[in-house]
């Protein structure tokens, strides 16, 4: 009843998930940031890495917007002038 095959179907090559293939390509680049992303994909999955990268991008965007807003506010002179007869309290 055995047809002499070793169990693997010769017509269907061993398909590796696309995320694993991308991770291996990124790791093989030997460019450190891409290697870290590739290892993150292998370890945590592609969607966690995408969420992390989007979070970093939006945090950077928010900080730019807040920085632009704060820099547009008028500058104040910081002068402390105590009133006459006023004693400092500790």
PDB file of N, CA and C in Angstrom:
ATOM      1  N   UNK A   1       0.805  -1.188   0.000  1.00  0.00           N
ATOM      2  CA  UNK A   1       0.000   0.000   0.000  1.00  0.00           C
ATOM      3  C   UNK A   1       0.850   1.255   0.000  1.00  0.00           C
ATOM      4  N   UNK A   2       2.091   1.119   0.312  1.00  0.00           N
ATOM      5  CA  UNK A   2       2.980   2.265   0.302  1.00  0.00           C
ATOM      6  C   UNK A   2       3.404   2.559  -1.135  1.00  0.00           C
ATOM      7  N   UNK A   3       3.370   3.836  -1.495  1.00  0.00           N
ATOM      8  CA  UNK A   3       3.767   4.208  -2.847  1.00  0.00           C
ATOM      9  C   UNK A   3       5.236   4.628  -2.903  1.00  0.00           C
ATOM     10  N   UNK A   4       5.967   4.440  -1.833  1.00  0.00           N
ATOM     11  CA  UNK A   4       7.396   4.703  -1.820  1.00  0.00           C
ATOM     12  C   UNK A   4       7.757   6.148  -1.517  1.00  0.00           C
ATOM     13  N   UNK A   5       6.789   6.967  -1.147  1.00  0.00           N
ATOM     14  CA  UNK A   5       7.114   8.362  -0.844  1.00  0.00           C
ATOM     15  C   UNK A   5       7.538   8.492   0.605  1.00  0.00           C
ATOM     16  N   UNK A   6       8.292   9.500   0.889  1.00  0.00           N
ATOM     17  CA  UNK A   6       8.811   9.697   2.241  1.00  0.00           C
ATOM     18  C   UNK A   6       7.852  10.509   3.103  1.00  0.00           C
ATOM     19  N   UNK A   7       6.678  10.799   2.605  1.00  0.00           N
ATOM     20  CA  UNK A   7       5.705  11.540   3.403  1.00  0.00           C
ATOM     21  C   UNK A   7       5.506  12.957   2.898  1.00  0.00           C
ATOM     22  N   UNK A   8       6.492  13.528   2.232  1.00  0.00           N
ATOM     23  CA  UNK A   8       6.365  14.887   1.706  1.00  0.00           C
ATOM     24  C   UNK A   8       5.816  14.812   0.294  1.00  0.00           C
ATOM     25  N   UNK A   9       4.910  15.679  -0.014  1.00  0.00           N
ATOM     26  CA  UNK A   9       4.317  15.733  -1.333  1.00  0.00           C
ATOM     27  C   UNK A   9       5.263  16.499  -2.263  1.00  0.00           C
ATOM     28  N   UNK A  10       5.788  15.866  -3.301  1.00  0.00           N
ATOM     29  CA  UNK A  10       6.768  16.544  -4.162  1.00  0.00           C
ATOM     30  C   UNK A  10       6.162  17.695  -4.957  1.00  0.00           C
ATOM     31  N   UNK A  11       4.863  17.705  -5.156  1.00  0.00           N
ATOM     32  CA  UNK A  11       4.228  18.771  -5.925  1.00  0.00           C
ATOM     33  C   UNK A  11       4.028  20.033  -5.101  1.00  0.00           C
ATOM     34  N   UNK A  12       4.004  19.917  -3.783  1.00  0.00           N
ATOM     35  CA  UNK A  12       3.813  21.065  -2.903  1.00  0.00           C
ATOM     36  C   UNK A  12       5.120  21.348  -2.168  1.00  0.00           C
ATOM     37  N   UNK A  13       5.823  22.387  -2.564  1.00  0.00           N
ATOM     38  CA  UNK A  13       7.064  22.705  -1.838  1.00  0.00           C
ATOM     39  C   UNK A  13       6.746  23.176  -0.425  1.00  0.00           C
ATOM     40  N   UNK A  14       7.735  23.046   0.436  1.00  0.00           N
ATOM     41  CA  UNK A  14       7.567  23.469   1.823  1.00  0.00           C
ATOM     42  C   UNK A  14       7.376  24.986   1.853  1.00  0.00           C
ATOM     43  N   UNK A  15       6.147  25.408   2.080  1.00  0.00           N
ATOM     44  CA  UNK A  15       5.857  26.849   2.076  1.00  0.00           C
ATOM     45  C   UNK A  15       6.053  27.403   3.472  1.00  0.00           C
ATOM     46  N   UNK A  16       6.886  28.385   3.520  1.00  0.00           N
ATOM     47  CA  UNK A  16       7.166  29.077   4.765  1.00  0.00           C
ATOM     48  C   UNK A  16       6.249  30.303   4.804  1.00  0.00           C
ATOM     49  N   UNK A  17       5.683  30.635   5.956  1.00  0.00           N
ATOM     50  CA  UNK A  17       4.840  31.836   6.014  1.00  0.00           C
ATOM     51  C   UNK A  17       5.614  33.073   5.567  1.00  0.00           C
ATOM     52  N   UNK A  18       4.912  33.996   4.940  1.00  0.00           N
ATOM     53  CA  UNK A  18       5.550  35.188   4.387  1.00  0.00           C
ATOM     54  C   UNK A  18       6.247  36.002   5.471  1.00  0.00           C
ATOM     55  N   UNK A  19       5.679  36.050   6.670  1.00  0.00           N
ATOM     56  CA  UNK A  19       6.303  36.815   7.759  1.00  0.00           C
ATOM     57  C   UNK A  19       7.669  36.233   8.114  1.00  0.00           C
ATOM     58  N   UNK A  20       7.779  34.912   8.125  1.00  0.00           N
ATOM     59  CA  UNK A  20       9.072  34.282   8.426  1.00  0.00           C
ATOM     60  C   UNK A  20      10.090  34.565   7.329  1.00  0.00           C
ATOM     61  N   UNK A  21       9.646  34.549   6.083  1.00  0.00           N
ATOM     62  CA  UNK A  21      10.568  34.844   4.986  1.00  0.00           C
ATOM     63  C   UNK A  21      11.049  36.285   5.057  1.00  0.00           C
ATOM     64  N   UNK A  22      10.135  37.211   5.350  1.00  0.00           N
ATOM     65  CA  UNK A  22      10.519  38.622   5.477  1.00  0.00           C
ATOM     66  C   UNK A  22      11.482  38.798   6.644  1.00  0.00           C
ATOM     67  N   UNK A  23      11.183  38.133   7.755  1.00  0.00           N
ATOM     68  CA  UNK A  23      12.054  38.229   8.933  1.00  0.00           C
ATOM     69  C   UNK A  23      13.460  37.749   8.597  1.00  0.00           C
ATOM     70  N   UNK A  24      13.567  36.647   7.879  1.00  0.00           N
ATOM     71  CA  UNK A  24      14.893  36.127   7.536  1.00  0.00           C
ATOM     72  C   UNK A  24      15.635  37.056   6.580  1.00  0.00           C
ATOM     73  N   UNK A  25      14.918  37.665   5.644  1.00  0.00           N
ATOM     74  CA  UNK A  25      15.556  38.621   4.733  1.00  0.00           C
ATOM     75  C   UNK A  25      16.082  39.819   5.517  1.00  0.00           C
ATOM     76  N   UNK A  26      15.279  40.317   6.463  1.00  0.00           N
ATOM     77  CA  UNK A  26      15.706  41.457   7.265  1.00  0.00           C
ATOM     78  C   UNK A  26      16.920  41.111   8.126  1.00  0.00           C
ATOM     79  N   UNK A  27      16.923  39.923   8.685  1.00  0.00           N
ATOM     80  CA  UNK A  27      18.045  39.502   9.520  1.00  0.00           C
ATOM     81  C   UNK A  27      19.310  39.340   8.668  1.00  0.00           C
ATOM     82  N   UNK A  28      19.158  38.843   7.447  1.00  0.00           N
ATOM     83  CA  UNK A  28      20.309  38.627   6.564  1.00  0.00           C
ATOM     84  C   UNK A  28      20.906  39.923   6.036  1.00  0.00           C
ATOM     85  N   UNK A  29      20.203  41.046   6.158  1.00  0.00           N
ATOM     86  CA  UNK A  29      20.756  42.306   5.663  1.00  0.00           C
ATOM     87  C   UNK A  29      21.962  42.758   6.476  1.00  0.00           C
ATOM     88  N   UNK A  30      22.042  42.338   7.726  1.00  0.00           N
ATOM     89  CA  UNK A  30      23.109  42.720   8.657  1.00  0.00           C
ATOM     90  C   UNK A  30      23.157  44.231   8.907  1.00  0.00           C
ATOM     91  N   UNK A  31      22.062  44.909   8.601  1.00  0.00           N
ATOM     92  CA  UNK A  31      21.897  46.322   8.954  1.00  0.00           C
ATOM     93  C   UNK A  31      21.121  46.319  10.262  1.00  0.00           C
ATOM     94  N   UNK A  32      21.766  46.764  11.342  1.00  0.00           N
ATOM     95  CA  UNK A  32      21.273  46.509  12.697  1.00  0.00           C
ATOM     96  C   UNK A  32      19.801  46.854  12.931  1.00  0.00           C
ATOM     97  N   UNK A  33      19.303  48.033  12.514  1.00  0.00           N
ATOM     98  CA  UNK A  33      17.876  48.295  12.756  1.00  0.00           C
ATOM     99  C   UNK A  33      16.957  47.286  12.067  1.00  0.00           C
ATOM    100  N   UNK A  34      17.318  46.877  10.849  1.00  0.00           N
ATOM    101  CA  UNK A  34      16.490  45.892  10.142  1.00  0.00           C
ATOM    102  C   UNK A  34      16.615  44.509  10.774  1.00  0.00           C
ATOM    103  N   UNK A  35      17.796  44.187  11.288  1.00  0.00           N
ATOM    104  CA  UNK A  35      17.978  42.912  11.984  1.00  0.00           C
ATOM    105  C   UNK A  35      17.073  42.854  13.211  1.00  0.00           C
ATOM    106  N   UNK A  36      17.006  43.971  13.952  1.00  0.00           N
ATOM    107  CA  UNK A  36      16.144  44.000  15.135  1.00  0.00           C
ATOM    108  C   UNK A  36      14.681  43.845  14.767  1.00  0.00           C
ATOM    109  N   UNK A  37      14.256  44.478  13.675  1.00  0.00           N
ATOM    110  CA  UNK A  37      12.871  44.336  13.235  1.00  0.00           C
ATOM    111  C   UNK A  37      12.604  42.892  12.825  1.00  0.00           C
ATOM    112  N   UNK A  38      13.543  42.292  12.094  1.00  0.00           N
ATOM    113  CA  UNK A  38      13.383  40.895  11.689  1.00  0.00           C
ATOM    114  C   UNK A  38      13.290  39.952  12.877  1.00  0.00           C
ATOM    115  N   UNK A  39      14.133  40.169  13.876  1.00  0.00           N
ATOM    116  CA  UNK A  39      14.069  39.331  15.085  1.00  0.00           C
ATOM    117  C   UNK A  39      12.774  39.559  15.838  1.00  0.00           C
ATOM    118  N   UNK A  40      12.286  40.805  15.842  1.00  0.00           N
ATOM    119  CA  UNK A  40      11.005  41.094  16.481  1.00  0.00           C
ATOM    120  C   UNK A  40       9.862  40.385  15.786  1.00  0.00           C
ATOM    121  N   UNK A  41       9.909  40.333  14.463  1.00  0.00           N
ATOM    122  CA  UNK A  41       8.860  39.624  13.710  1.00  0.00           C
ATOM    123  C   UNK A  41       8.891  38.150  14.036  1.00  0.00           C
ATOM    124  N   UNK A  42      10.094  37.563  14.109  1.00  0.00           N
ATOM    125  CA  UNK A  42      10.191  36.133  14.425  1.00  0.00           C
ATOM    126  C   UNK A  42       9.708  35.837  15.839  1.00  0.00           C
ATOM    127  N   UNK A  43      10.036  36.722  16.763  1.00  0.00           N
ATOM    128  CA  UNK A  43       9.740  36.469  18.174  1.00  0.00           C
ATOM    129  C   UNK A  43       8.293  36.805  18.539  1.00  0.00           C
ATOM    130  N   UNK A  44       7.811  37.975  18.092  1.00  0.00           N
ATOM    131  CA  UNK A  44       6.512  38.455  18.562  1.00  0.00           C
ATOM    132  C   UNK A  44       5.416  38.430  17.503  1.00  0.00           C
ATOM    133  N   UNK A  45       5.791  38.320  16.252  1.00  0.00           N
ATOM    134  CA  UNK A  45       4.806  38.323  15.182  1.00  0.00           C
ATOM    135  C   UNK A  45       4.799  39.665  14.475  1.00  0.00           C
ATOM    136  N   UNK A  46       4.353  39.655  13.231  1.00  0.00           N
ATOM    137  CA  UNK A  46       4.433  40.882  12.437  1.00  0.00           C
ATOM    138  C   UNK A  46       3.523  41.998  12.926  1.00  0.00           C
ATOM    139  N   UNK A  47       2.359  41.669  13.450  1.00  0.00           N
ATOM    140  CA  UNK A  47       1.409  42.725  13.825  1.00  0.00           C
ATOM    141  C   UNK A  47       1.861  43.475  15.062  1.00  0.00           C
ATOM    142  N   UNK A  48       2.537  42.820  15.973  1.00  0.00           N
ATOM    143  CA  UNK A  48       3.072  43.506  17.147  1.00  0.00           C
ATOM    144  C   UNK A  48       4.158  44.491  16.724  1.00  0.00           C
ATOM    145  N   UNK A  49       5.007  44.072  15.793  1.00  0.00           N
ATOM    146  CA  UNK A  49       6.077  44.948  15.310  1.00  0.00           C
ATOM    147  C   UNK A  49       5.488  46.144  14.571  1.00  0.00           C
ATOM    148  N   UNK A  50       4.471  45.910  13.740  1.00  0.00           N
ATOM    149  CA  UNK A  50       3.810  47.014  13.033  1.00  0.00           C
ATOM    150  C   UNK A  50       3.186  47.981  14.033  1.00  0.00           C
ATOM    151  N   UNK A  51       2.516  47.462  15.053  1.00  0.00           N
ATOM    152  CA  UNK A  51       1.900  48.329  16.066  1.00  0.00           C
ATOM    153  C   UNK A  51       2.963  49.144  16.797  1.00  0.00           C
ATOM    154  N   UNK A  52       4.078  48.519  17.115  1.00  0.00           N
ATOM    155  CA  UNK A  52       5.162  49.233  17.793  1.00  0.00           C
ATOM    156  C   UNK A  52       5.708  50.353  16.918  1.00  0.00           C
ATOM    157  N   UNK A  53       5.981  50.051  15.650  1.00  0.00           N
ATOM    158  CA  UNK A  53       6.535  51.057  14.745  1.00  0.00           C
ATOM    159  C   UNK A  53       5.556  52.208  14.525  1.00  0.00           C
ATOM    160  N   UNK A  54       4.262  51.903  14.411  1.00  0.00           N
ATOM    161  CA  UNK A  54       3.263  52.966  14.274  1.00  0.00           C
ATOM    162  C   UNK A  54       3.190  53.806  15.542  1.00  0.00           C
ATOM    163  N   UNK A  55       3.297  53.156  16.689  1.00  0.00           N
ATOM    164  CA  UNK A  55       3.292  53.891  17.955  1.00  0.00           C
ATOM    165  C   UNK A  55       4.463  54.849  18.055  1.00  0.00           C
ATOM    166  N   UNK A  56       5.634  54.401  17.624  1.00  0.00           N
ATOM    167  CA  UNK A  56       6.816  55.262  17.638  1.00  0.00           C
ATOM    168  C   UNK A  56       6.623  56.437  16.682  1.00  0.00           C
ATOM    169  N   UNK A  57       6.071  56.157  15.502  1.00  0.00           N
ATOM    170  CA  UNK A  57       5.868  57.214  14.513  1.00  0.00           C
ATOM    171  C   UNK A  57       4.867  58.255  15.025  1.00  0.00           C
ATOM    172  N   UNK A  58       3.760  57.798  15.627  1.00  0.00           N
ATOM    173  CA  UNK A  58       2.763  58.748  16.118  1.00  0.00           C
ATOM    174  C   UNK A  58       3.272  59.532  17.317  1.00  0.00           C
ATOM    175  N   UNK A  59       4.091  58.897  18.160  1.00  0.00           N
ATOM    176  CA  UNK A  59       4.670  59.613  19.293  1.00  0.00           C
ATOM    177  C   UNK A  59       5.571  60.734  18.798  1.00  0.00           C
ATOM    178  N   UNK A  60       6.353  60.447  17.771  1.00  0.00           N
ATOM    179  CA  UNK A  60       7.216  61.465  17.182  1.00  0.00           C
ATOM    180  C   UNK A  60       6.388  62.592  16.573  1.00  0.00           C
ATOM    181  N   UNK A  61       5.305  62.233  15.913  1.00  0.00           N
ATOM    182  CA  UNK A  61       4.429  63.234  15.304  1.00  0.00           C
ATOM    183  C   UNK A  61       3.789  64.116  16.373  1.00  0.00           C
ATOM    184  N   UNK A  62       3.289  63.496  17.441  1.00  0.00           N
ATOM    185  CA  UNK A  62       2.668  64.265  18.522  1.00  0.00           C
ATOM    186  C   UNK A  62       3.662  65.215  19.168  1.00  0.00           C
ATOM    187  N   UNK A  63       4.892  64.750  19.373  1.00  0.00           N
ATOM    188  CA  UNK A  63       5.883  65.612  20.021  1.00  0.00           C
ATOM    189  C   UNK A  63       6.225  66.800  19.124  1.00  0.00           C
ATOM    190  N   UNK A  64       6.240  66.601  17.806  1.00  0.00           N
ATOM    191  CA  UNK A  64       6.486  67.725  16.896  1.00  0.00           C
ATOM    192  C   UNK A  64       5.344  68.730  16.958  1.00  0.00           C
ATOM    193  N   UNK A  65       4.121  68.232  16.977  1.00  0.00           N
ATOM    194  CA  UNK A  65       2.961  69.135  17.022  1.00  0.00           C
ATOM    195  C   UNK A  65       2.956  69.915  18.332  1.00  0.00           C
ATOM    196  N   UNK A  66       3.193  69.235  19.438  1.00  0.00           N
ATOM    197  CA  UNK A  66       3.201  69.910  20.740  1.00  0.00           C
ATOM    198  C   UNK A  66       4.354  70.907  20.808  1.00  0.00           C
ATOM    199  N   UNK A  67       5.527  70.547  20.282  1.00  0.00           N
ATOM    200  CA  UNK A  67       6.668  71.454  20.276  1.00  0.00           C
ATOM    201  C   UNK A  67       6.392  72.700  19.453  1.00  0.00           C
ATOM    202  N   UNK A  68       5.729  72.519  18.308  1.00  0.00           N
ATOM    203  CA  UNK A  68       5.398  73.664  17.462  1.00  0.00           C
ATOM    204  C   UNK A  68       4.404  74.573  18.181  1.00  0.00           C
ATOM    205  N   UNK A  69       3.425  73.963  18.863  1.00  0.00           N
ATOM    206  CA  UNK A  69       2.433  74.759  19.599  1.00  0.00           C
ATOM    207  C   UNK A  69       3.103  75.540  20.728  1.00  0.00           C
ATOM    208  N   UNK A  70       3.945  74.866  21.498  1.00  0.00           N
ATOM    209  CA  UNK A  70       4.591  75.528  22.625  1.00  0.00           C
ATOM    210  C   UNK A  70       5.541  76.629  22.166  1.00  0.00           C
ATOM    211  N   UNK A  71       6.213  76.424  21.042  1.00  0.00           N
ATOM    212  CA  UNK A  71       7.128  77.457  20.558  1.00  0.00           C
ATOM    213  C   UNK A  71       6.379  78.666  20.005  1.00  0.00           C
ATOM    214  N   UNK A  72       5.108  78.491  19.672  1.00  0.00           N
ATOM    215  CA  UNK A  72       4.347  79.623  19.145  1.00  0.00           C
ATOM    216  C   UNK A  72       3.783  80.509  20.257  1.00  0.00           C
ATOM    217  N   UNK A  73       3.820  80.039  21.479  1.00  0.00           N
ATOM    218  CA  UNK A  73       3.320  80.852  22.584  1.00  0.00           C
ATOM    219  C   UNK A  73       4.274  82.018  22.835  1.00  0.00           C
ATOM    220  N   UNK A  74       3.733  83.116  23.343  1.00  0.00           N
ATOM    221  CA  UNK A  74       4.580  84.289  23.553  1.00  0.00           C
ATOM    222  C   UNK A  74       5.585  84.028  24.681  1.00  0.00           C
ATOM    223  N   UNK A  75       6.726  84.627  24.532  1.00  0.00           N
ATOM    224  CA  UNK A  75       7.791  84.470  25.520  1.00  0.00           C
ATOM    225  C   UNK A  75       7.525  85.432  26.681  1.00  0.00           C
ATOM    226  N   UNK A  76       7.752  84.968  27.888  1.00  0.00           N
ATOM    227  CA  UNK A  76       7.542  85.785  29.078  1.00  0.00           C
ATOM    228  C   UNK A  76       8.887  86.080  29.727  1.00  0.00           C
ATOM    229  N   UNK A  77       9.033  87.276  30.237  1.00  0.00           N
ATOM    230  CA  UNK A  77      10.235  87.613  30.990  1.00  0.00           C
ATOM    231  C   UNK A  77      10.056  87.089  32.411  1.00  0.00           C
ATOM    232  N   UNK A  78      10.996  86.291  32.844  1.00  0.00           N
ATOM    233  CA  UNK A  78      10.899  85.695  34.167  1.00  0.00           C
ATOM    234  C   UNK A  78      11.627  86.594  35.165  1.00  0.00           C
ATOM    235  N   UNK A  79      10.877  87.501  35.738  1.00  0.00           N
ATOM    236  CA  UNK A  79      11.439  88.429  36.701  1.00  0.00           C
ATOM    237  C   UNK A  79      10.679  88.239  38.005  1.00  0.00           C
ATOM    238  N   UNK A  80      11.425  88.037  39.068  1.00  0.00           N
ATOM    239  CA  UNK A  80      10.805  87.912  40.383  1.00  0.00           C
ATOM    240  C   UNK A  80      11.094  89.204  41.137  1.00  0.00           C
ATOM    241  N   UNK A  81      10.048  89.935  41.453  1.00  0.00           N
ATOM    242  CA  UNK A  81      10.204  91.210  42.163  1.00  0.00           C
ATOM    243  C   UNK A  81       9.352  91.142  43.433  1.00  0.00           C
ATOM    244  N   UNK A  82       9.991  90.877  44.567  1.00  0.00           N
ATOM    245  CA  UNK A  82       9.215  90.797  45.808  1.00  0.00           C
ATOM    246  C   UNK A  82       8.660  92.173  46.200  1.00  0.00           C
ATOM    247  N   UNK A  83       7.500  92.148  46.834  1.00  0.00           N
ATOM    248  CA  UNK A  83       6.879  93.399  47.287  1.00  0.00           C
ATOM    249  C   UNK A  83       7.656  93.949  48.480  1.00  0.00           C
ATOM    250  N   UNK A  84       7.554  95.235  48.658  1.00  0.00           N
ATOM    251  CA  UNK A  84       8.249  95.880  49.768  1.00  0.00           C
ATOM    252  C   UNK A  84       7.643  95.411  51.074  1.00  0.00           C
ATOM    253  N   UNK A  85       8.492  95.065  52.014  1.00  0.00           N
ATOM    254  CA  UNK A  85       8.029  94.613  53.311  1.00  0.00           C
ATOM    255  C   UNK A  85       7.752  93.111  53.362  1.00  0.00           C
ATOM    256  N   UNK A  86       7.923  92.436  52.271  1.00  0.00           N
ATOM    257  CA  UNK A  86       7.676  90.993  52.183  1.00  0.00           C
ATOM    258  C   UNK A  86       8.920  90.256  52.630  1.00  0.00           C
ATOM    259  N   UNK A  87       8.761  89.261  53.523  1.00  0.00           N
ATOM    260  CA  UNK A  87       9.889  88.444  53.961  1.00  0.00           C
ATOM    261  C   UNK A  87       9.729  87.041  53.427  1.00  0.00           C
ATOM    262  N   UNK A  88      10.836  86.475  52.988  1.00  0.00           N
ATOM    263  CA  UNK A  88      10.805  85.125  52.463  1.00  0.00           C
ATOM    264  C   UNK A  88      10.504  84.136  53.574  1.00  0.00           C
ATOM    265  N   UNK A  89       9.666  83.169  53.274  1.00  0.00           N
ATOM    266  CA  UNK A  89       9.324  82.127  54.249  1.00  0.00           C
ATOM    267  C   UNK A  89       9.845  80.801  53.734  1.00  0.00           C
ATOM    268  N   UNK A  90      10.428  80.053  54.640  1.00  0.00           N
ATOM    269  CA  UNK A  90      10.929  78.737  54.262  1.00  0.00           C
ATOM    270  C   UNK A  90       9.933  77.663  54.627  1.00  0.00           C
TER     271      UNK A  90
END
